[in-house]
Amino acid sequence: RSFVSSTAGNAETASSLTHQHHDHAPPPSFDLESIRQAKPFTKWLASEMRSNHAGETGAVQIYCGALYALDLRRSFRVPLYSNSVQGDQYEANLRAFSMEHRDSEQSHVDLLEGIMDEEEQSKLLPAWRVAGFGLGFVSTIFCPRGMYLTTEAVESFVEEHYGYQIRRLKEEIGDSMAQGVAKQPIQDCEITLGKKELMRMLQHCCEDEVEHKNQARERHAEGPFPWFDWVDTSWQYFVGVGSLIAADCAKKV
């Protein structure tokens, strides 16, 4: 298929999605000190948290890379549609989308850094920043719709990534509660309470990522579409596998 314009009402729909997040209630607050009381984290949780921080750091840079690509496209007046006004609106909507989600991801980084010391973070953070920026840039520079495909692929992985952690924490908390909080030493009670607060924080982050995924899926469904359907599936497979490899590396280093 050749590149085609989006359906009628595309600008209005995208604009409403752009402002959708702002209509939500303010994000909840979390007792970060309570979470810190649960430290040192067990080995599995420490590695997962290191991966979380690396992933959120990279996610911020994905959106920064997309914004830089949009700046270049605007500077060189790269066309998107035959109708330049419609193309300008499309890229303006993507810019708002990227700025909003960049700020959301940065809020996740801030939360994680509120409970993690520098030595607990990935030693490869500079690499994750470069990789994230490059992914956002490449996803956007040739056809901005690619950024929506990338966002959906990344957030689909992150949803599973957080989901595993939440399920495992819930199991550990359940085991502790089954023993009876009153019978536990005070330190164990503090650890259980810290895990409950951490789980609540991870649930909040996961809900944000699911929202990002759903918004991106709606946006890329509007077009413009590639010549072949396999372009979308191949790109999202590549991004998904890359996310998995990066997360595994961050757990170790």
C-alpha atoms as a PDB file:
ATOM      1  CA  ARG A   1       0.000   0.000   0.000  1.00  0.00           C
ATOM      2  CA  SER A   2       1.126   3.543  -0.624  1.00  0.00           C
ATOM      3  CA  PHE A   3       1.177   6.102   2.135  1.00  0.00           C
ATOM      4  CA  VAL A   4      -2.329   7.484   2.589  1.00  0.00           C
ATOM      5  CA  SER A   5      -3.792  10.239   4.685  1.00  0.00           C
ATOM      6  CA  SER A   6      -5.730   9.523   7.852  1.00  0.00           C
ATOM      7  CA  THR A   7      -9.498   9.386   7.933  1.00  0.00           C
ATOM      8  CA  ALA A   8     -11.661  12.448   8.398  1.00  0.00           C
ATOM      9  CA  GLY A   9     -11.614  13.794  11.891  1.00  0.00           C
ATOM     10  CA  ASN A  10      -8.040  12.613  12.501  1.00  0.00           C
ATOM     11  CA  ALA A  11      -6.849  15.941  13.877  1.00  0.00           C
ATOM     12  CA  GLU A  12      -9.814  16.258  16.214  1.00  0.00           C
ATOM     13  CA  THR A  13      -9.416  12.692  17.510  1.00  0.00           C
ATOM     14  CA  ALA A  14      -5.681  13.016  18.020  1.00  0.00           C
ATOM     15  CA  SER A  15      -6.141  16.335  19.763  1.00  0.00           C
ATOM     16  CA  SER A  16      -8.605  14.822  22.223  1.00  0.00           C
ATOM     17  CA  LEU A  17      -6.161  11.992  22.946  1.00  0.00           C
ATOM     18  CA  THR A  18      -3.404  14.533  23.477  1.00  0.00           C
ATOM     19  CA  HIS A  19      -5.352  16.158  26.296  1.00  0.00           C
ATOM     20  CA  GLN A  20      -6.749  12.943  27.707  1.00  0.00           C
ATOM     21  CA  HIS A  21      -4.072  12.528  30.356  1.00  0.00           C
ATOM     22  CA  HIS A  22      -4.573  16.044  31.687  1.00  0.00           C
ATOM     23  CA  ASP A  23      -8.169  15.244  32.587  1.00  0.00           C
ATOM     24  CA  HIS A  24      -7.045  12.601  35.075  1.00  0.00           C
ATOM     25  CA  ALA A  25      -6.728  13.105  38.812  1.00  0.00           C
ATOM     26  CA  PRO A  26      -3.280  14.115  40.139  1.00  0.00           C
ATOM     27  CA  PRO A  27      -0.931  11.138  40.603  1.00  0.00           C
ATOM     28  CA  PRO A  28      -1.020   9.550  44.048  1.00  0.00           C
ATOM     29  CA  SER A  29       1.702  10.172  46.590  1.00  0.00           C
ATOM     30  CA  PHE A  30       3.809   7.356  47.981  1.00  0.00           C
ATOM     31  CA  ASP A  31       5.587   6.758  51.271  1.00  0.00           C
ATOM     32  CA  LEU A  32       9.097   6.409  49.866  1.00  0.00           C
ATOM     33  CA  GLU A  33      10.621   6.179  53.339  1.00  0.00           C
ATOM     34  CA  SER A  34       8.438   3.166  54.079  1.00  0.00           C
ATOM     35  CA  ILE A  35       9.712   1.502  50.904  1.00  0.00           C
ATOM     36  CA  ARG A  36      13.307   2.258  51.882  1.00  0.00           C
ATOM     37  CA  GLN A  37      12.654   0.507  55.192  1.00  0.00           C
ATOM     38  CA  ALA A  38      12.153  -2.699  53.196  1.00  0.00           C
ATOM     39  CA  LYS A  39      15.754  -2.546  52.009  1.00  0.00           C
ATOM     40  CA  PRO A  40      18.069  -4.187  51.370  1.00  0.00           C
ATOM     41  CA  PHE A  41      15.855  -5.725  48.731  1.00  0.00           C
ATOM     42  CA  THR A  42      16.083  -9.429  48.056  1.00  0.00           C
ATOM     43  CA  LYS A  43      18.292 -10.349  45.098  1.00  0.00           C
ATOM     44  CA  TRP A  44      15.453 -10.774  42.630  1.00  0.00           C
ATOM     45  CA  LEU A  45      13.812  -7.490  43.604  1.00  0.00           C
ATOM     46  CA  ALA A  46      17.071  -5.523  43.561  1.00  0.00           C
ATOM     47  CA  SER A  47      17.766  -6.675  39.997  1.00  0.00           C
ATOM     48  CA  GLU A  48      14.197  -5.896  38.905  1.00  0.00           C
ATOM     49  CA  MET A  49      14.357  -2.420  40.428  1.00  0.00           C
ATOM     50  CA  ARG A  50      17.671  -1.774  38.684  1.00  0.00           C
ATOM     51  CA  SER A  51      16.030  -2.785  35.423  1.00  0.00           C
ATOM     52  CA  ASN A  52      13.001  -0.580  36.176  1.00  0.00           C
ATOM     53  CA  HIS A  53      15.165   2.491  36.702  1.00  0.00           C
ATOM     54  CA  ALA A  54      17.211   1.812  33.574  1.00  0.00           C
ATOM     55  CA  GLY A  55      14.056   1.287  31.517  1.00  0.00           C
ATOM     56  CA  GLU A  56      12.344   4.439  32.713  1.00  0.00           C
ATOM     57  CA  THR A  57      15.551   6.419  32.120  1.00  0.00           C
ATOM     58  CA  GLY A  58      15.713   5.067  28.577  1.00  0.00           C
ATOM     59  CA  ALA A  59      12.013   5.808  28.047  1.00  0.00           C
ATOM     60  CA  VAL A  60      12.534   9.488  28.848  1.00  0.00           C
ATOM     61  CA  GLN A  61      15.216   9.572  26.175  1.00  0.00           C
ATOM     62  CA  ILE A  62      13.013   7.807  23.623  1.00  0.00           C
ATOM     63  CA  TYR A  63      10.643  10.763  23.740  1.00  0.00           C
ATOM     64  CA  CYS A  64      13.556  13.228  23.712  1.00  0.00           C
ATOM     65  CA  GLY A  65      14.829  11.556  20.551  1.00  0.00           C
ATOM     66  CA  ALA A  66      11.391  11.789  18.965  1.00  0.00           C
ATOM     67  CA  LEU A  67      11.158  15.491  19.803  1.00  0.00           C
ATOM     68  CA  TYR A  68      14.587  16.136  18.280  1.00  0.00           C
ATOM     69  CA  ALA A  69      13.551  14.305  15.110  1.00  0.00           C
ATOM     70  CA  LEU A  70      10.393  16.396  14.920  1.00  0.00           C
ATOM     71  CA  ASP A  71      12.487  19.544  15.248  1.00  0.00           C
ATOM     72  CA  LEU A  72      14.654  18.422  12.324  1.00  0.00           C
ATOM     73  CA  ARG A  73      11.647  17.539  10.195  1.00  0.00           C
ATOM     74  CA  ARG A  74      10.189  20.974  10.850  1.00  0.00           C
ATOM     75  CA  SER A  75      13.498  22.699  10.082  1.00  0.00           C
ATOM     76  CA  PHE A  76      13.865  20.910   6.745  1.00  0.00           C
ATOM     77  CA  ARG A  77      10.121  20.973   6.020  1.00  0.00           C
ATOM     78  CA  VAL A  78       9.937  17.225   5.435  1.00  0.00           C
ATOM     79  CA  PRO A  79       6.441  16.433   4.095  1.00  0.00           C
ATOM     80  CA  LEU A  80       4.179  13.872   5.710  1.00  0.00           C
ATOM     81  CA  TYR A  81       1.026  14.189   3.648  1.00  0.00           C
ATOM     82  CA  SER A  82       0.210  15.818   0.350  1.00  0.00           C
ATOM     83  CA  ASN A  83      -1.653  18.392   2.416  1.00  0.00           C
ATOM     84  CA  SER A  84       1.061  20.216   4.389  1.00  0.00           C
ATOM     85  CA  VAL A  85      -1.382  21.682   6.897  1.00  0.00           C
ATOM     86  CA  GLN A  86      -2.648  18.227   7.835  1.00  0.00           C
ATOM     87  CA  GLY A  87       0.943  17.026   8.134  1.00  0.00           C
ATOM     88  CA  ASP A  88       1.786  19.946  10.413  1.00  0.00           C
ATOM     89  CA  GLN A  89      -1.172  19.087  12.632  1.00  0.00           C
ATOM     90  CA  TYR A  90      -0.170  15.428  12.760  1.00  0.00           C
ATOM     91  CA  GLU A  91       3.338  16.289  13.894  1.00  0.00           C
ATOM     92  CA  ALA A  92       2.064  18.878  16.364  1.00  0.00           C
ATOM     93  CA  ASN A  93      -0.091  16.164  17.941  1.00  0.00           C
ATOM     94  CA  LEU A  94       2.877  13.799  18.112  1.00  0.00           C
ATOM     95  CA  ARG A  95       4.966  16.548  19.718  1.00  0.00           C
ATOM     96  CA  ALA A  96       2.350  17.044  22.434  1.00  0.00           C
ATOM     97  CA  PHE A  97       2.089  13.263  22.887  1.00  0.00           C
ATOM     98  CA  SER A  98       5.872  12.947  23.261  1.00  0.00           C
ATOM     99  CA  MET A  99       6.209  15.845  25.686  1.00  0.00           C
ATOM    100  CA  GLU A 100       3.395  14.591  27.874  1.00  0.00           C
ATOM    101  CA  HIS A 101       4.719  11.035  27.996  1.00  0.00           C
ATOM    102  CA  ARG A 102       8.301  12.185  28.513  1.00  0.00           C
ATOM    103  CA  ASP A 103       7.150  14.035  31.625  1.00  0.00           C
ATOM    104  CA  SER A 104       5.214  10.989  32.815  1.00  0.00           C
ATOM    105  CA  GLU A 105       8.262   8.749  32.417  1.00  0.00           C
ATOM    106  CA  GLN A 106      10.413  11.320  34.222  1.00  0.00           C
ATOM    107  CA  SER A 107       8.007  11.212  37.156  1.00  0.00           C
ATOM    108  CA  HIS A 108       8.614   7.443  37.316  1.00  0.00           C
ATOM    109  CA  VAL A 109      12.374   8.015  37.300  1.00  0.00           C
ATOM    110  CA  ASP A 110      11.987  10.499  40.154  1.00  0.00           C
ATOM    111  CA  LEU A 111      10.016   7.977  42.202  1.00  0.00           C
ATOM    112  CA  LEU A 112      12.588   5.243  41.658  1.00  0.00           C
ATOM    113  CA  GLU A 113      15.476   7.540  42.489  1.00  0.00           C
ATOM    114  CA  GLY A 114      13.652   8.424  45.688  1.00  0.00           C
ATOM    115  CA  ILE A 115      14.122   4.852  46.909  1.00  0.00           C
ATOM    116  CA  MET A 116      17.282   3.738  45.070  1.00  0.00           C
ATOM    117  CA  ASP A 117      20.787   4.920  45.814  1.00  0.00           C
ATOM    118  CA  GLU A 118      23.196   5.535  42.937  1.00  0.00           C
ATOM    119  CA  GLU A 119      25.131   2.330  43.582  1.00  0.00           C
ATOM    120  CA  GLU A 120      21.892   0.367  43.209  1.00  0.00           C
ATOM    121  CA  GLN A 121      21.295   1.687  39.692  1.00  0.00           C
ATOM    122  CA  SER A 122      22.542   0.198  36.440  1.00  0.00           C
ATOM    123  CA  LYS A 123      26.172   0.905  35.594  1.00  0.00           C
ATOM    124  CA  LEU A 124      25.107   1.165  31.940  1.00  0.00           C
ATOM    125  CA  LEU A 125      22.800   4.181  32.307  1.00  0.00           C
ATOM    126  CA  PRO A 126      24.766   6.237  29.713  1.00  0.00           C
ATOM    127  CA  ALA A 127      24.257   3.422  27.200  1.00  0.00           C
ATOM    128  CA  TRP A 128      20.539   3.192  27.963  1.00  0.00           C
ATOM    129  CA  ARG A 129      20.197   6.949  27.457  1.00  0.00           C
ATOM    130  CA  VAL A 130      21.929   6.798  24.065  1.00  0.00           C
ATOM    131  CA  ALA A 131      19.969   3.722  22.985  1.00  0.00           C
ATOM    132  CA  GLY A 132      16.664   5.295  24.025  1.00  0.00           C
ATOM    133  CA  PHE A 133      17.383   8.565  22.259  1.00  0.00           C
ATOM    134  CA  GLY A 134      18.438   6.723  19.111  1.00  0.00           C
ATOM    135  CA  LEU A 135      15.300   4.574  19.111  1.00  0.00           C
ATOM    136  CA  GLY A 136      13.014   7.591  19.467  1.00  0.00           C
ATOM    137  CA  PHE A 137      14.894   9.465  16.762  1.00  0.00           C
ATOM    138  CA  VAL A 138      14.880   6.618  14.229  1.00  0.00           C
ATOM    139  CA  SER A 139      11.220   5.872  14.972  1.00  0.00           C
ATOM    140  CA  THR A 140      10.233   9.430  14.086  1.00  0.00           C
ATOM    141  CA  ILE A 141      12.617  10.912  11.547  1.00  0.00           C
ATOM    142  CA  PHE A 142      11.426   8.969   8.483  1.00  0.00           C
ATOM    143  CA  CYS A 143       7.726   8.660   9.326  1.00  0.00           C
ATOM    144  CA  PRO A 144       6.401  10.044  12.628  1.00  0.00           C
ATOM    145  CA  ARG A 145       3.771   7.303  12.841  1.00  0.00           C
ATOM    146  CA  GLY A 146       6.658   4.989  13.679  1.00  0.00           C
ATOM    147  CA  MET A 147       6.904   6.603  17.108  1.00  0.00           C
ATOM    148  CA  TYR A 148       3.427   5.370  17.951  1.00  0.00           C
ATOM    149  CA  LEU A 149       4.393   1.844  16.864  1.00  0.00           C
ATOM    150  CA  THR A 150       7.517   2.018  19.005  1.00  0.00           C
ATOM    151  CA  THR A 151       5.585   3.290  22.019  1.00  0.00           C
ATOM    152  CA  GLU A 152       3.050   0.470  21.777  1.00  0.00           C
ATOM    153  CA  ALA A 153       5.790  -2.169  21.470  1.00  0.00           C
ATOM    154  CA  VAL A 154       7.846  -0.812  24.363  1.00  0.00           C
ATOM    155  CA  GLU A 155       4.876  -0.324  26.663  1.00  0.00           C
ATOM    156  CA  SER A 156       3.507  -3.798  25.883  1.00  0.00           C
ATOM    157  CA  PHE A 157       6.792  -5.211  27.141  1.00  0.00           C
ATOM    158  CA  VAL A 158       6.846  -2.902  30.175  1.00  0.00           C
ATOM    159  CA  GLU A 159       3.299  -3.916  31.107  1.00  0.00           C
ATOM    160  CA  GLU A 160       4.416  -7.554  31.326  1.00  0.00           C
ATOM    161  CA  HIS A 161       7.641  -6.530  33.081  1.00  0.00           C
ATOM    162  CA  TYR A 162       5.835  -4.644  35.841  1.00  0.00           C
ATOM    163  CA  GLY A 163       3.069  -7.223  35.970  1.00  0.00           C
ATOM    164  CA  TYR A 164       5.525  -9.973  36.908  1.00  0.00           C
ATOM    165  CA  GLN A 165       6.964  -7.869  39.739  1.00  0.00           C
ATOM    166  CA  ILE A 166       3.533  -6.954  41.084  1.00  0.00           C
ATOM    167  CA  ARG A 167       2.374 -10.585  41.093  1.00  0.00           C
ATOM    168  CA  ARG A 168       5.513 -11.761  42.858  1.00  0.00           C
ATOM    169  CA  LEU A 169       5.340  -9.014  45.487  1.00  0.00           C
ATOM    170  CA  LYS A 170       1.675  -9.836  46.079  1.00  0.00           C
ATOM    171  CA  GLU A 171       2.608 -13.477  46.683  1.00  0.00           C
ATOM    172  CA  GLU A 172       5.363 -12.542  49.134  1.00  0.00           C
ATOM    173  CA  ILE A 173       3.080 -10.121  50.985  1.00  0.00           C
ATOM    174  CA  GLY A 174       0.368 -12.790  51.119  1.00  0.00           C
ATOM    175  CA  ASP A 175       2.801 -15.295  52.627  1.00  0.00           C
ATOM    176  CA  SER A 176       3.844 -12.765  55.271  1.00  0.00           C
ATOM    177  CA  MET A 177       0.252 -11.879  56.126  1.00  0.00           C
ATOM    178  CA  ALA A 178      -0.626 -15.570  56.403  1.00  0.00           C
ATOM    179  CA  GLN A 179       1.944 -15.887  59.196  1.00  0.00           C
ATOM    180  CA  GLY A 180       0.184 -13.127  61.112  1.00  0.00           C
ATOM    181  CA  VAL A 181       1.617  -9.618  61.294  1.00  0.00           C
ATOM    182  CA  ALA A 182       1.334  -9.579  65.095  1.00  0.00           C
ATOM    183  CA  LYS A 183       3.623 -12.607  65.341  1.00  0.00           C
ATOM    184  CA  GLN A 184       6.316 -11.116  63.106  1.00  0.00           C
ATOM    185  CA  PRO A 185       9.347  -9.223  64.428  1.00  0.00           C
ATOM    186  CA  ILE A 186       9.014  -5.437  64.050  1.00  0.00           C
ATOM    187  CA  GLN A 187      11.630  -5.393  61.274  1.00  0.00           C
ATOM    188  CA  ASP A 188       9.712  -8.005  59.268  1.00  0.00           C
ATOM    189  CA  CYS A 189       6.516  -5.984  59.694  1.00  0.00           C
ATOM    190  CA  GLU A 190       8.284  -2.907  58.310  1.00  0.00           C
ATOM    191  CA  ILE A 191       9.536  -4.927  55.348  1.00  0.00           C
ATOM    192  CA  THR A 192       6.019  -6.178  54.612  1.00  0.00           C
ATOM    193  CA  LEU A 193       4.569  -2.667  54.807  1.00  0.00           C
ATOM    194  CA  GLY A 194       7.364  -1.368  52.559  1.00  0.00           C
ATOM    195  CA  LYS A 195       6.657  -4.069  49.993  1.00  0.00           C
ATOM    196  CA  LYS A 196       2.963  -3.173  50.015  1.00  0.00           C
ATOM    197  CA  GLU A 197       3.795   0.458  49.325  1.00  0.00           C
ATOM    198  CA  LEU A 198       6.283  -0.526  46.621  1.00  0.00           C
ATOM    199  CA  MET A 199       3.666  -2.706  44.975  1.00  0.00           C
ATOM    200  CA  ARG A 200       1.234   0.200  45.011  1.00  0.00           C
ATOM    201  CA  MET A 201       3.857   2.420  43.367  1.00  0.00           C
ATOM    202  CA  LEU A 202       4.621  -0.170  40.676  1.00  0.00           C
ATOM    203  CA  GLN A 203       0.900  -0.553  39.990  1.00  0.00           C
ATOM    204  CA  HIS A 204       0.687   3.196  39.426  1.00  0.00           C
ATOM    205  CA  CYS A 205       3.628   3.124  37.006  1.00  0.00           C
ATOM    206  CA  CYS A 206       2.172   0.125  35.192  1.00  0.00           C
ATOM    207  CA  GLU A 207      -1.195   1.851  34.784  1.00  0.00           C
ATOM    208  CA  ASP A 208       0.567   4.830  33.212  1.00  0.00           C
ATOM    209  CA  GLU A 209       2.389   2.554  30.775  1.00  0.00           C
ATOM    210  CA  VAL A 210      -0.835   0.790  29.792  1.00  0.00           C
ATOM    211  CA  GLU A 211      -2.417   4.170  29.104  1.00  0.00           C
ATOM    212  CA  HIS A 212       0.558   5.127  26.922  1.00  0.00           C
ATOM    213  CA  LYS A 213       0.257   1.834  25.045  1.00  0.00           C
ATOM    214  CA  ASN A 214      -3.455   2.291  24.389  1.00  0.00           C
ATOM    215  CA  GLN A 215      -3.063   5.880  23.230  1.00  0.00           C
ATOM    216  CA  ALA A 216      -0.244   4.906  20.869  1.00  0.00           C
ATOM    217  CA  ARG A 217      -2.298   2.023  19.457  1.00  0.00           C
ATOM    218  CA  GLU A 218      -5.208   4.337  18.701  1.00  0.00           C
ATOM    219  CA  ARG A 219      -2.913   6.880  17.083  1.00  0.00           C
ATOM    220  CA  HIS A 220      -1.028   4.523  14.774  1.00  0.00           C
ATOM    221  CA  ALA A 221      -4.310   2.931  13.668  1.00  0.00           C
ATOM    222  CA  GLU A 222      -5.158   6.264  12.001  1.00  0.00           C
ATOM    223  CA  GLY A 223      -2.266   6.027   9.530  1.00  0.00           C
ATOM    224  CA  PRO A 224      -0.409   6.900   7.372  1.00  0.00           C
ATOM    225  CA  PHE A 225       0.218   3.252   6.605  1.00  0.00           C
ATOM    226  CA  PRO A 226       3.333   1.600   5.089  1.00  0.00           C
ATOM    227  CA  TRP A 227       3.463  -0.125   1.759  1.00  0.00           C
ATOM    228  CA  PHE A 228       3.309  -3.569   3.393  1.00  0.00           C
ATOM    229  CA  ASP A 229       1.657  -4.744   6.618  1.00  0.00           C
ATOM    230  CA  TRP A 230       4.756  -6.694   7.655  1.00  0.00           C
ATOM    231  CA  VAL A 231       6.642  -3.423   8.122  1.00  0.00           C
ATOM    232  CA  ASP A 232       4.625  -2.701  11.276  1.00  0.00           C
ATOM    233  CA  THR A 233       4.869  -6.208  12.715  1.00  0.00           C
ATOM    234  CA  SER A 234       8.580  -6.512  11.930  1.00  0.00           C
ATOM    235  CA  TRP A 235       9.412  -3.180  13.538  1.00  0.00           C
ATOM    236  CA  GLN A 236       7.409  -3.925  16.681  1.00  0.00           C
ATOM    237  CA  TYR A 237       9.018  -7.363  16.948  1.00  0.00           C
ATOM    238  CA  PHE A 238      12.462  -5.763  16.708  1.00  0.00           C
ATOM    239  CA  VAL A 239      11.605  -3.191  19.382  1.00  0.00           C
ATOM    240  CA  GLY A 240      10.085  -5.820  21.670  1.00  0.00           C
ATOM    241  CA  VAL A 241      13.117  -8.103  21.454  1.00  0.00           C
ATOM    242  CA  GLY A 242      15.427  -5.141  21.998  1.00  0.00           C
ATOM    243  CA  SER A 243      13.463  -4.161  25.113  1.00  0.00           C
ATOM    244  CA  LEU A 244      13.751  -7.691  26.479  1.00  0.00           C
ATOM    245  CA  ILE A 245      17.516  -7.847  25.897  1.00  0.00           C
ATOM    246  CA  ALA A 246      18.046  -4.397  27.446  1.00  0.00           C
ATOM    247  CA  ALA A 247      15.972  -5.290  30.515  1.00  0.00           C
ATOM    248  CA  ASP A 248      17.912  -8.532  31.049  1.00  0.00           C
ATOM    249  CA  CYS A 249      21.235  -6.683  30.760  1.00  0.00           C
ATOM    250  CA  ALA A 250      20.109  -4.007  33.226  1.00  0.00           C
ATOM    251  CA  LYS A 251      19.154  -6.691  35.753  1.00  0.00           C
ATOM    252  CA  LYS A 252      22.737  -7.913  35.753  1.00  0.00           C
ATOM    253  CA  VAL A 253      24.759  -4.681  35.420  1.00  0.00           C
END
